[in-house]
Amino acid sequence: MCNRILIIMALSFLTTGFFAAENKTKTKKPVQEAPKVQRGYVPKAEITIVEGEDTLVKEYRINGQLRAIKVTPKSGFPPYYLIDRQGTGEFVKLGPDMGEEMTVPNWILIEW
């Protein structure tokens, strides 16, 4: 009985050493560093200008998503804005004497 225990213990020590030696021979893959982001980085808007017969339209896109539209009528009326506040595609009309409150800056901190 005692011999069996000794044999089992000896085999377990031998196999443990074998697996430990096998793990040491494997080469580790180099870890890629994450790209460095500048502090205070703000993505710049891509501006597309479309000139119609009676209006000048500027579309502001951030990361390919349309976020705001500025419409400037050529007839002398003041310009107004269509702004997507939540990023859902629902635009709110803002401009002089429109009764809307001023929009505050919105930043996307985390996006999936």
PDB file of N, CA and C in Angstrom:
ATOM      1  N   MET A   1       0.832  -1.192   0.000  1.00  0.00           N
ATOM      2  CA  MET A   1       0.000   0.000   0.000  1.00  0.00           C
ATOM      3  C   MET A   1       0.870   1.247   0.000  1.00  0.00           C
ATOM      4  N   CYS A   2       1.900   1.190   0.831  1.00  0.00           N
ATOM      5  CA  CYS A   2       2.810   2.333   0.938  1.00  0.00           C
ATOM      6  C   CYS A   2       3.588   2.525  -0.362  1.00  0.00           C
ATOM      7  N   ASN A   3       3.915   1.401  -1.023  1.00  0.00           N
ATOM      8  CA  ASN A   3       4.643   1.477  -2.289  1.00  0.00           C
ATOM      9  C   ASN A   3       3.796   2.141  -3.377  1.00  0.00           C
ATOM     10  N   ARG A   4       2.502   1.859  -3.377  1.00  0.00           N
ATOM     11  CA  ARG A   4       1.604   2.458  -4.373  1.00  0.00           C
ATOM     12  C   ARG A   4       1.557   3.973  -4.208  1.00  0.00           C
ATOM     13  N   ILE A   5       1.474   4.419  -2.986  1.00  0.00           N
ATOM     14  CA  ILE A   5       1.419   5.862  -2.725  1.00  0.00           C
ATOM     15  C   ILE A   5       2.709   6.525  -3.176  1.00  0.00           C
ATOM     16  N   LEU A   6       3.835   5.877  -2.886  1.00  0.00           N
ATOM     17  CA  LEU A   6       5.123   6.433  -3.311  1.00  0.00           C
ATOM     18  C   LEU A   6       5.236   6.491  -4.830  1.00  0.00           C
ATOM     19  N   ILE A   7       4.749   5.459  -5.505  1.00  0.00           N
ATOM     20  CA  ILE A   7       4.801   5.436  -6.970  1.00  0.00           C
ATOM     21  C   ILE A   7       3.908   6.533  -7.551  1.00  0.00           C
ATOM     22  N   ILE A   8       2.713   6.695  -7.005  1.00  0.00           N
ATOM     23  CA  ILE A   8       1.789   7.731  -7.476  1.00  0.00           C
ATOM     24  C   ILE A   8       2.377   9.119  -7.251  1.00  0.00           C
ATOM     25  N   MET A   9       2.975   9.326  -6.091  1.00  0.00           N
ATOM     26  CA  MET A   9       3.587  10.630  -5.809  1.00  0.00           C
ATOM     27  C   MET A   9       4.768  10.895  -6.741  1.00  0.00           C
ATOM     28  N   ALA A  10       5.575   9.887  -7.005  1.00  0.00           N
ATOM     29  CA  ALA A  10       6.727  10.059  -7.895  1.00  0.00           C
ATOM     30  C   ALA A  10       6.269  10.380  -9.311  1.00  0.00           C
ATOM     31  N   LEU A  11       5.225   9.678  -9.787  1.00  0.00           N
ATOM     32  CA  LEU A  11       4.697   9.950 -11.126  1.00  0.00           C
ATOM     33  C   LEU A  11       4.104  11.354 -11.224  1.00  0.00           C
ATOM     34  N   SER A  12       3.409  11.779 -10.180  1.00  0.00           N
ATOM     35  CA  SER A  12       2.818  13.124 -10.212  1.00  0.00           C
ATOM     36  C   SER A  12       3.898  14.199 -10.239  1.00  0.00           C
ATOM     37  N   PHE A  13       4.985  13.996  -9.484  1.00  0.00           N
ATOM     38  CA  PHE A  13       6.090  14.966  -9.509  1.00  0.00           C
ATOM     39  C   PHE A  13       6.769  14.990 -10.875  1.00  0.00           C
ATOM     40  N   LEU A  14       6.930  13.810 -11.482  1.00  0.00           N
ATOM     41  CA  LEU A  14       7.579  13.740 -12.791  1.00  0.00           C
ATOM     42  C   LEU A  14       6.731  14.402 -13.876  1.00  0.00           C
ATOM     43  N   THR A  15       5.430  14.147 -13.871  1.00  0.00           N
ATOM     44  CA  THR A  15       4.565  14.738 -14.894  1.00  0.00           C
ATOM     45  C   THR A  15       4.414  16.235 -14.690  1.00  0.00           C
ATOM     46  N   THR A  16       4.407  16.693 -13.451  1.00  0.00           N
ATOM     47  CA  THR A  16       4.327  18.131 -13.187  1.00  0.00           C
ATOM     48  C   THR A  16       5.556  18.831 -13.736  1.00  0.00           C
ATOM     49  N   GLY A  17       6.714  18.247 -13.529  1.00  0.00           N
ATOM     50  CA  GLY A  17       7.943  18.829 -14.058  1.00  0.00           C
ATOM     51  C   GLY A  17       7.956  18.825 -15.573  1.00  0.00           C
ATOM     52  N   PHE A  18       7.377  17.783 -16.184  1.00  0.00           N
ATOM     53  CA  PHE A  18       7.321  17.697 -17.641  1.00  0.00           C
ATOM     54  C   PHE A  18       6.469  18.825 -18.213  1.00  0.00           C
ATOM     55  N   PHE A  19       5.280  19.058 -17.626  1.00  0.00           N
ATOM     56  CA  PHE A  19       4.402  20.115 -18.115  1.00  0.00           C
ATOM     57  C   PHE A  19       4.988  21.493 -17.860  1.00  0.00           C
ATOM     58  N   ALA A  20       5.675  21.662 -16.748  1.00  0.00           N
ATOM     59  CA  ALA A  20       6.308  22.950 -16.459  1.00  0.00           C
ATOM     60  C   ALA A  20       7.420  23.228 -17.463  1.00  0.00           C
ATOM     61  N   ALA A  21       8.196  22.213 -17.815  1.00  0.00           N
ATOM     62  CA  ALA A  21       9.265  22.387 -18.802  1.00  0.00           C
ATOM     63  C   ALA A  21       8.679  22.670 -20.175  1.00  0.00           C
ATOM     64  N   GLU A  22       7.551  22.073 -20.504  1.00  0.00           N
ATOM     65  CA  GLU A  22       6.914  22.298 -21.793  1.00  0.00           C
ATOM     66  C   GLU A  22       6.434  23.742 -21.913  1.00  0.00           C
ATOM     67  N   ASN A  23       5.886  24.311 -20.851  1.00  0.00           N
ATOM     68  CA  ASN A  23       5.405  25.687 -20.871  1.00  0.00           C
ATOM     69  C   ASN A  23       6.540  26.682 -21.037  1.00  0.00           C
ATOM     70  N   LYS A  24       7.724  26.368 -20.516  1.00  0.00           N
ATOM     71  CA  LYS A  24       8.852  27.289 -20.622  1.00  0.00           C
ATOM     72  C   LYS A  24       9.379  27.370 -22.045  1.00  0.00           C
ATOM     73  N   THR A  25       9.238  26.292 -22.816  1.00  0.00           N
ATOM     74  CA  THR A  25       9.782  26.286 -24.170  1.00  0.00           C
ATOM     75  C   THR A  25       8.902  27.038 -25.159  1.00  0.00           C
ATOM     76  N   LYS A  26       7.668  27.289 -24.838  1.00  0.00           N
ATOM     77  CA  LYS A  26       6.789  28.025 -25.742  1.00  0.00           C
ATOM     78  C   LYS A  26       7.210  29.487 -25.778  1.00  0.00           C
ATOM     79  N   THR A  27       7.189  30.051 -26.973  1.00  0.00           N
ATOM     80  CA  THR A  27       7.545  31.466 -27.098  1.00  0.00           C
ATOM     81  C   THR A  27       6.303  32.314 -26.862  1.00  0.00           C
ATOM     82  N   LYS A  28       6.496  33.408 -26.198  1.00  0.00           N
ATOM     83  CA  LYS A  28       5.387  34.311 -25.916  1.00  0.00           C
ATOM     84  C   LYS A  28       5.241  35.291 -27.066  1.00  0.00           C
ATOM     85  N   LYS A  29       3.995  35.587 -27.406  1.00  0.00           N
ATOM     86  CA  LYS A  29       3.727  36.554 -28.462  1.00  0.00           C
ATOM     87  C   LYS A  29       3.930  37.953 -27.909  1.00  0.00           C
ATOM     88  N   PRO A  30       4.530  38.822 -28.689  1.00  0.00           N
ATOM     89  CA  PRO A  30       4.707  40.194 -28.200  1.00  0.00           C
ATOM     90  C   PRO A  30       3.355  40.899 -28.089  1.00  0.00           C
ATOM     91  N   VAL A  31       3.204  41.663 -27.053  1.00  0.00           N
ATOM     92  CA  VAL A  31       1.968  42.393 -26.808  1.00  0.00           C
ATOM     93  C   VAL A  31       2.039  43.721 -27.550  1.00  0.00           C
ATOM     94  N   GLN A  32       0.994  44.003 -28.312  1.00  0.00           N
ATOM     95  CA  GLN A  32       0.954  45.270 -29.036  1.00  0.00           C
ATOM     96  C   GLN A  32       0.495  46.371 -28.098  1.00  0.00           C
ATOM     97  N   GLU A  33       1.181  47.481 -28.171  1.00  0.00           N
ATOM     98  CA  GLU A  33       0.797  48.611 -27.331  1.00  0.00           C
ATOM     99  C   GLU A  33      -0.416  49.302 -27.942  1.00  0.00           C
ATOM    100  N   ALA A  34      -1.263  49.826 -27.079  1.00  0.00           N
ATOM    101  CA  ALA A  34      -2.426  50.565 -27.538  1.00  0.00           C
ATOM    102  C   ALA A  34      -1.967  51.880 -28.154  1.00  0.00           C
ATOM    103  N   PRO A  35      -2.682  52.359 -29.178  1.00  0.00           N
ATOM    104  CA  PRO A  35      -2.283  53.633 -29.767  1.00  0.00           C
ATOM    105  C   PRO A  35      -2.425  54.759 -28.754  1.00  0.00           C
ATOM    106  N   LYS A  36      -1.474  55.668 -28.781  1.00  0.00           N
ATOM    107  CA  LYS A  36      -1.496  56.770 -27.825  1.00  0.00           C
ATOM    108  C   LYS A  36      -2.465  57.847 -28.307  1.00  0.00           C
ATOM    109  N   VAL A  37      -3.304  58.296 -27.392  1.00  0.00           N
ATOM    110  CA  VAL A  37      -4.287  59.324 -27.688  1.00  0.00           C
ATOM    111  C   VAL A  37      -3.853  60.597 -26.993  1.00  0.00           C
ATOM    112  N   GLN A  38      -3.886  61.675 -27.738  1.00  0.00           N
ATOM    113  CA  GLN A  38      -3.494  62.945 -27.149  1.00  0.00           C
ATOM    114  C   GLN A  38      -4.556  63.397 -26.159  1.00  0.00           C
ATOM    115  N   ARG A  39      -4.097  63.989 -25.094  1.00  0.00           N
ATOM    116  CA  ARG A  39      -5.021  64.495 -24.081  1.00  0.00           C
ATOM    117  C   ARG A  39      -5.791  65.675 -24.664  1.00  0.00           C
ATOM    118  N   GLY A  40      -7.094  65.686 -24.456  1.00  0.00           N
ATOM    119  CA  GLY A  40      -7.932  66.769 -24.947  1.00  0.00           C
ATOM    120  C   GLY A  40      -8.264  66.643 -26.424  1.00  0.00           C
ATOM    121  N   TYR A  41      -8.097  65.444 -27.016  1.00  0.00           N
ATOM    122  CA  TYR A  41      -8.376  65.245 -28.439  1.00  0.00           C
ATOM    123  C   TYR A  41      -9.870  65.348 -28.695  1.00  0.00           C
ATOM    124  N   VAL A  42     -10.233  66.147 -29.671  1.00  0.00           N
ATOM    125  CA  VAL A  42     -11.619  66.295 -30.085  1.00  0.00           C
ATOM    126  C   VAL A  42     -11.667  66.008 -31.583  1.00  0.00           C
ATOM    127  N   PRO A  43     -12.499  65.046 -32.021  1.00  0.00           N
ATOM    128  CA  PRO A  43     -12.550  64.757 -33.449  1.00  0.00           C
ATOM    129  C   PRO A  43     -13.093  65.954 -34.222  1.00  0.00           C
ATOM    130  N   LYS A  44     -12.468  66.242 -35.361  1.00  0.00           N
ATOM    131  CA  LYS A  44     -12.894  67.382 -36.167  1.00  0.00           C
ATOM    132  C   LYS A  44     -14.069  66.974 -37.036  1.00  0.00           C
ATOM    133  N   ALA A  45     -14.952  67.928 -37.254  1.00  0.00           N
ATOM    134  CA  ALA A  45     -16.126  67.677 -38.069  1.00  0.00           C
ATOM    135  C   ALA A  45     -15.760  67.761 -39.545  1.00  0.00           C
ATOM    136  N   GLU A  46     -16.352  66.866 -40.335  1.00  0.00           N
ATOM    137  CA  GLU A  46     -16.226  66.931 -41.781  1.00  0.00           C
ATOM    138  C   GLU A  46     -17.373  67.799 -42.273  1.00  0.00           C
ATOM    139  N   ILE A  47     -17.064  68.818 -43.040  1.00  0.00           N
ATOM    140  CA  ILE A  47     -18.083  69.763 -43.483  1.00  0.00           C
ATOM    141  C   ILE A  47     -18.311  69.582 -44.978  1.00  0.00           C
ATOM    142  N   THR A  48     -19.582  69.380 -45.350  1.00  0.00           N
ATOM    143  CA  THR A  48     -19.979  69.280 -46.747  1.00  0.00           C
ATOM    144  C   THR A  48     -20.852  70.480 -47.063  1.00  0.00           C
ATOM    145  N   ILE A  49     -20.497  71.218 -48.111  1.00  0.00           N
ATOM    146  CA  ILE A  49     -21.256  72.411 -48.491  1.00  0.00           C
ATOM    147  C   ILE A  49     -22.056  72.094 -49.747  1.00  0.00           C
ATOM    148  N   VAL A  50     -23.371  72.317 -49.664  1.00  0.00           N
ATOM    149  CA  VAL A  50     -24.278  72.100 -50.791  1.00  0.00           C
ATOM    150  C   VAL A  50     -24.955  73.431 -51.082  1.00  0.00           C
ATOM    151  N   GLU A  51     -24.774  73.911 -52.312  1.00  0.00           N
ATOM    152  CA  GLU A  51     -25.358  75.206 -52.672  1.00  0.00           C
ATOM    153  C   GLU A  51     -26.557  74.966 -53.575  1.00  0.00           C
ATOM    154  N   GLY A  52     -27.720  75.422 -53.106  1.00  0.00           N
ATOM    155  CA  GLY A  52     -28.943  75.322 -53.884  1.00  0.00           C
ATOM    156  C   GLY A  52     -29.272  76.662 -54.527  1.00  0.00           C
ATOM    157  N   GLU A  53     -30.451  76.742 -55.158  1.00  0.00           N
ATOM    158  CA  GLU A  53     -30.848  77.993 -55.811  1.00  0.00           C
ATOM    159  C   GLU A  53     -31.108  79.102 -54.798  1.00  0.00           C
ATOM    160  N   ASP A  54     -31.740  78.756 -53.674  1.00  0.00           N
ATOM    161  CA  ASP A  54     -32.112  79.788 -52.710  1.00  0.00           C
ATOM    162  C   ASP A  54     -31.504  79.581 -51.324  1.00  0.00           C
ATOM    163  N   THR A  55     -30.701  78.529 -51.130  1.00  0.00           N
ATOM    164  CA  THR A  55     -30.084  78.279 -49.819  1.00  0.00           C
ATOM    165  C   THR A  55     -28.657  77.759 -49.971  1.00  0.00           C
ATOM    166  N   LEU A  56     -27.899  77.947 -48.907  1.00  0.00           N
ATOM    167  CA  LEU A  56     -26.570  77.360 -48.772  1.00  0.00           C
ATOM    168  C   LEU A  56     -26.632  76.440 -47.554  1.00  0.00           C
ATOM    169  N   VAL A  57     -26.347  75.153 -47.752  1.00  0.00           N
ATOM    170  CA  VAL A  57     -26.470  74.160 -46.685  1.00  0.00           C
ATOM    171  C   VAL A  57     -25.082  73.619 -46.353  1.00  0.00           C
ATOM    172  N   LYS A  58     -24.736  73.630 -45.060  1.00  0.00           N
ATOM    173  CA  LYS A  58     -23.488  73.040 -44.585  1.00  0.00           C
ATOM    174  C   LYS A  58     -23.849  71.871 -43.676  1.00  0.00           C
ATOM    175  N   GLU A  59     -23.333  70.681 -44.015  1.00  0.00           N
ATOM    176  CA  GLU A  59     -23.576  69.479 -43.211  1.00  0.00           C
ATOM    177  C   GLU A  59     -22.321  69.171 -42.405  1.00  0.00           C
ATOM    178  N   TYR A  60     -22.481  68.986 -41.113  1.00  0.00           N
ATOM    179  CA  TYR A  60     -21.366  68.694 -40.209  1.00  0.00           C
ATOM    180  C   TYR A  60     -21.462  67.240 -39.766  1.00  0.00           C
ATOM    181  N   ARG A  61     -20.425  66.451 -40.102  1.00  0.00           N
ATOM    182  CA  ARG A  61     -20.392  65.032 -39.742  1.00  0.00           C
ATOM    183  C   ARG A  61     -19.202  64.765 -38.830  1.00  0.00           C
ATOM    184  N   ILE A  62     -19.432  63.948 -37.808  1.00  0.00           N
ATOM    185  CA  ILE A  62     -18.369  63.497 -36.914  1.00  0.00           C
ATOM    186  C   ILE A  62     -18.377  61.979 -36.952  1.00  0.00           C
ATOM    187  N   ASN A  63     -17.235  61.390 -37.303  1.00  0.00           N
ATOM    188  CA  ASN A  63     -17.097  59.935 -37.475  1.00  0.00           C
ATOM    189  C   ASN A  63     -18.128  59.394 -38.458  1.00  0.00           C
ATOM    190  N   GLY A  64     -18.421  60.155 -39.506  1.00  0.00           N
ATOM    191  CA  GLY A  64     -19.347  59.722 -40.540  1.00  0.00           C
ATOM    192  C   GLY A  64     -20.814  59.899 -40.200  1.00  0.00           C
ATOM    193  N   GLN A  65     -21.131  60.366 -39.017  1.00  0.00           N
ATOM    194  CA  GLN A  65     -22.522  60.533 -38.592  1.00  0.00           C
ATOM    195  C   GLN A  65     -22.910  62.002 -38.694  1.00  0.00           C
ATOM    196  N   LEU A  66     -24.030  62.280 -39.363  1.00  0.00           N
ATOM    197  CA  LEU A  66     -24.520  63.644 -39.518  1.00  0.00           C
ATOM    198  C   LEU A  66     -24.993  64.168 -38.173  1.00  0.00           C
ATOM    199  N   ARG A  67     -24.360  65.244 -37.685  1.00  0.00           N
ATOM    200  CA  ARG A  67     -24.680  65.778 -36.362  1.00  0.00           C
ATOM    201  C   ARG A  67     -25.382  67.127 -36.408  1.00  0.00           C
ATOM    202  N   ALA A  68     -25.106  67.949 -37.439  1.00  0.00           N
ATOM    203  CA  ALA A  68     -25.729  69.269 -37.504  1.00  0.00           C
ATOM    204  C   ALA A  68     -25.797  69.727 -38.951  1.00  0.00           C
ATOM    205  N   ILE A  69     -26.781  70.575 -39.225  1.00  0.00           N
ATOM    206  CA  ILE A  69     -26.951  71.170 -40.548  1.00  0.00           C
ATOM    207  C   ILE A  69     -27.182  72.661 -40.346  1.00  0.00           C
ATOM    208  N   LYS A  70     -26.431  73.483 -41.080  1.00  0.00           N
ATOM    209  CA  LYS A  70     -26.640  74.930 -41.043  1.00  0.00           C
ATOM    210  C   LYS A  70     -27.245  75.326 -42.382  1.00  0.00           C
ATOM    211  N   VAL A  71     -28.409  75.955 -42.328  1.00  0.00           N
ATOM    212  CA  VAL A  71     -29.109  76.391 -43.531  1.00  0.00           C
ATOM    213  C   VAL A  71     -29.072  77.909 -43.565  1.00  0.00           C
ATOM    214  N   THR A  72     -28.489  78.464 -44.633  1.00  0.00           N
ATOM    215  CA  THR A  72     -28.409  79.910 -44.798  1.00  0.00           C
ATOM    216  C   THR A  72     -29.213  80.293 -46.033  1.00  0.00           C
ATOM    217  N   PRO A  73     -30.390  80.903 -45.846  1.00  0.00           N
ATOM    218  CA  PRO A  73     -31.169  81.340 -47.005  1.00  0.00           C
ATOM    219  C   PRO A  73     -30.474  82.508 -47.712  1.00  0.00           C
ATOM    220  N   LYS A  74     -30.539  82.519 -49.046  1.00  0.00           N
ATOM    221  CA  LYS A  74     -29.918  83.604 -49.812  1.00  0.00           C
ATOM    222  C   LYS A  74     -30.819  84.833 -49.886  1.00  0.00           C
ATOM    223  N   SER A  75     -32.045  84.708 -49.412  1.00  0.00           N
ATOM    224  CA  SER A  75     -32.999  85.812 -49.507  1.00  0.00           C
ATOM    225  C   SER A  75     -32.828  86.848 -48.404  1.00  0.00           C
ATOM    226  N   GLY A  76     -31.792  86.721 -47.564  1.00  0.00           N
ATOM    227  CA  GLY A  76     -31.550  87.714 -46.527  1.00  0.00           C
ATOM    228  C   GLY A  76     -32.054  87.326 -45.153  1.00  0.00           C
ATOM    229  N   PHE A  77     -32.764  86.222 -45.043  1.00  0.00           N
ATOM    230  CA  PHE A  77     -33.215  85.763 -43.735  1.00  0.00           C
ATOM    231  C   PHE A  77     -32.024  85.231 -42.944  1.00  0.00           C
ATOM    232  N   PRO A  78     -32.099  85.267 -41.601  1.00  0.00           N
ATOM    233  CA  PRO A  78     -30.969  84.767 -40.800  1.00  0.00           C
ATOM    234  C   PRO A  78     -30.837  83.245 -40.921  1.00  0.00           C
ATOM    235  N   PRO A  79     -29.629  82.733 -40.765  1.00  0.00           N
ATOM    236  CA  PRO A  79     -29.438  81.278 -40.854  1.00  0.00           C
ATOM    237  C   PRO A  79     -30.055  80.559 -39.651  1.00  0.00           C
ATOM    238  N   TYR A  80     -30.388  79.308 -39.843  1.00  0.00           N
ATOM    239  CA  TYR A  80     -30.883  78.471 -38.754  1.00  0.00           C
ATOM    240  C   TYR A  80     -30.164  77.128 -38.812  1.00  0.00           C
ATOM    241  N   TYR A  81     -30.258  76.398 -37.714  1.00  0.00           N
ATOM    242  CA  TYR A  81     -29.539  75.134 -37.570  1.00  0.00           C
ATOM    243  C   TYR A  81     -30.513  73.995 -37.315  1.00  0.00           C
ATOM    244  N   LEU A  82     -30.188  72.831 -37.845  1.00  0.00           N
ATOM    245  CA  LEU A  82     -30.860  71.583 -37.500  1.00  0.00           C
ATOM    246  C   LEU A  82     -29.810  70.752 -36.769  1.00  0.00           C
ATOM    247  N   ILE A  83     -30.061  70.454 -35.502  1.00  0.00           N
ATOM    248  CA  ILE A  83     -29.051  69.804 -34.664  1.00  0.00           C
ATOM    249  C   ILE A  83     -29.587  68.480 -34.128  1.00  0.00           C
ATOM    250  N   ASP A  84     -28.761  67.443 -34.248  1.00  0.00           N
ATOM    251  CA  ASP A  84     -29.066  66.122 -33.691  1.00  0.00           C
ATOM    252  C   ASP A  84     -28.443  66.070 -32.300  1.00  0.00           C
ATOM    253  N   ARG A  85     -29.223  66.343 -31.285  1.00  0.00           N
ATOM    254  CA  ARG A  85     -28.688  66.448 -29.918  1.00  0.00           C
ATOM    255  C   ARG A  85     -28.262  65.109 -29.333  1.00  0.00           C
ATOM    256  N   GLN A  86     -29.018  64.052 -29.605  1.00  0.00           N
ATOM    257  CA  GLN A  86     -28.757  62.754 -28.978  1.00  0.00           C
ATOM    258  C   GLN A  86     -28.013  61.781 -29.887  1.00  0.00           C
ATOM    259  N   GLY A  87     -27.827  62.124 -31.146  1.00  0.00           N
ATOM    260  CA  GLY A  87     -27.176  61.207 -32.079  1.00  0.00           C
ATOM    261  C   GLY A  87     -28.111  60.131 -32.592  1.00  0.00           C
ATOM    262  N   THR A  88     -29.427  60.368 -32.517  1.00  0.00           N
ATOM    263  CA  THR A  88     -30.421  59.381 -32.938  1.00  0.00           C
ATOM    264  C   THR A  88     -30.970  59.640 -34.331  1.00  0.00           C
ATOM    265  N   GLY A  89     -30.591  60.757 -34.955  1.00  0.00           N
ATOM    266  CA  GLY A  89     -31.117  61.105 -36.270  1.00  0.00           C
ATOM    267  C   GLY A  89     -32.333  62.012 -36.191  1.00  0.00           C
ATOM    268  N   GLU A  90     -32.722  62.401 -34.992  1.00  0.00           N
ATOM    269  CA  GLU A  90     -33.862  63.300 -34.801  1.00  0.00           C
ATOM    270  C   GLU A  90     -33.323  64.718 -34.628  1.00  0.00           C
ATOM    271  N   PHE A  91     -33.621  65.585 -35.593  1.00  0.00           N
ATOM    272  CA  PHE A  91     -33.064  66.931 -35.605  1.00  0.00           C
ATOM    273  C   PHE A  91     -34.028  67.941 -34.998  1.00  0.00           C
ATOM    274  N   VAL A  92     -33.455  68.910 -34.292  1.00  0.00           N
ATOM    275  CA  VAL A  92     -34.204  69.995 -33.673  1.00  0.00           C
ATOM    276  C   VAL A  92     -33.802  71.279 -34.384  1.00  0.00           C
ATOM    277  N   LYS A  93     -34.794  72.100 -34.722  1.00  0.00           N
ATOM    278  CA  LYS A  93     -34.522  73.346 -35.434  1.00  0.00           C
ATOM    279  C   LYS A  93     -34.208  74.448 -34.433  1.00  0.00           C
ATOM    280  N   LEU A  94     -33.057  75.087 -34.606  1.00  0.00           N
ATOM    281  CA  LEU A  94     -32.637  76.182 -33.742  1.00  0.00           C
ATOM    282  C   LEU A  94     -32.294  77.397 -34.588  1.00  0.00           C
ATOM    283  N   GLY A  95     -32.611  78.537 -34.072  1.00  0.00           N
ATOM    284  CA  GLY A  95     -32.278  79.769 -34.782  1.00  0.00           C
ATOM    285  C   GLY A  95     -32.838  80.956 -34.032  1.00  0.00           C
ATOM    286  N   PRO A  96     -32.661  82.149 -34.576  1.00  0.00           N
ATOM    287  CA  PRO A  96     -33.181  83.331 -33.891  1.00  0.00           C
ATOM    288  C   PRO A  96     -34.711  83.316 -33.843  1.00  0.00           C
ATOM    289  N   ASP A  97     -35.244  83.658 -32.699  1.00  0.00           N
ATOM    290  CA  ASP A  97     -36.698  83.743 -32.479  1.00  0.00           C
ATOM    291  C   ASP A  97     -37.422  82.422 -32.737  1.00  0.00           C
ATOM    292  N   MET A  98     -36.791  81.303 -32.444  1.00  0.00           N
ATOM    293  CA  MET A  98     -37.433  80.006 -32.649  1.00  0.00           C
ATOM    294  C   MET A  98     -37.989  79.450 -31.347  1.00  0.00           C
ATOM    295  N   GLY A  99     -37.679  80.085 -30.228  1.00  0.00           N
ATOM    296  CA  GLY A  99     -38.216  79.638 -28.958  1.00  0.00           C
ATOM    297  C   GLY A  99     -37.475  78.465 -28.340  1.00  0.00           C
ATOM    298  N   GLU A 100     -36.425  77.978 -28.966  1.00  0.00           N
ATOM    299  CA  GLU A 100     -35.641  76.867 -28.412  1.00  0.00           C
ATOM    300  C   GLU A 100     -34.527  77.409 -27.543  1.00  0.00           C
ATOM    301  N   GLU A 101     -34.223  76.699 -26.477  1.00  0.00           N
ATOM    302  CA  GLU A 101     -33.113  77.095 -25.630  1.00  0.00           C
ATOM    303  C   GLU A 101     -31.798  76.754 -26.323  1.00  0.00           C
ATOM    304  N   MET A 102     -30.746  77.382 -25.877  1.00  0.00           N
ATOM    305  CA  MET A 102     -29.431  77.150 -26.459  1.00  0.00           C
ATOM    306  C   MET A 102     -28.967  75.733 -26.129  1.00  0.00           C
ATOM    307  N   THR A 103     -28.296  75.094 -27.075  1.00  0.00           N
ATOM    308  CA  THR A 103     -27.778  73.754 -26.812  1.00  0.00           C
ATOM    309  C   THR A 103     -26.436  73.849 -26.110  1.00  0.00           C
ATOM    310  N   VAL A 104     -26.204  72.928 -25.223  1.00  0.00           N
ATOM    311  CA  VAL A 104     -24.924  72.871 -24.522  1.00  0.00           C
ATOM    312  C   VAL A 104     -24.040  71.854 -25.229  1.00  0.00           C
ATOM    313  N   PRO A 105     -22.725  71.983 -25.108  1.00  0.00           N
ATOM    314  CA  PRO A 105     -21.844  71.014 -25.766  1.00  0.00           C
ATOM    315  C   PRO A 105     -22.056  69.604 -25.222  1.00  0.00           C
ATOM    316  N   ASN A 106     -22.055  68.631 -26.115  1.00  0.00           N
ATOM    317  CA  ASN A 106     -22.196  67.221 -25.745  1.00  0.00           C
ATOM    318  C   ASN A 106     -20.958  66.483 -26.208  1.00  0.00           C
ATOM    319  N   TRP A 107     -20.399  65.641 -25.337  1.00  0.00           N
ATOM    320  CA  TRP A 107     -19.237  64.840 -25.686  1.00  0.00           C
ATOM    321  C   TRP A 107     -19.586  63.380 -25.505  1.00  0.00           C
ATOM    322  N   ILE A 108     -19.114  62.556 -26.429  1.00  0.00           N
ATOM    323  CA  ILE A 108     -19.273  61.113 -26.305  1.00  0.00           C
ATOM    324  C   ILE A 108     -18.054  60.589 -25.572  1.00  0.00           C
ATOM    325  N   LEU A 109     -18.256  60.038 -24.379  1.00  0.00           N
ATOM    326  CA  LEU A 109     -17.144  59.523 -23.593  1.00  0.00           C
ATOM    327  C   LEU A 109     -16.832  58.077 -23.949  1.00  0.00           C
ATOM    328  N   ILE A 110     -17.866  57.248 -24.026  1.00  0.00           N
ATOM    329  CA  ILE A 110     -17.685  55.838 -24.349  1.00  0.00           C
ATOM    330  C   ILE A 110     -18.748  55.460 -25.364  1.00  0.00           C
ATOM    331  N   GLU A 111     -18.328  54.730 -26.405  1.00  0.00           N
ATOM    332  CA  GLU A 111     -19.277  54.325 -27.432  1.00  0.00           C
ATOM    333  C   GLU A 111     -19.002  52.881 -27.820  1.00  0.00           C
ATOM    334  N   TRP A 112     -20.046  52.059 -27.894  1.00  0.00           N
ATOM    335  CA  TRP A 112     -19.883  50.660 -28.274  1.00  0.00           C
ATOM    336  C   TRP A 112     -20.310  50.491 -29.690  1.00  0.00           C
TER     337      TRP A 112
END
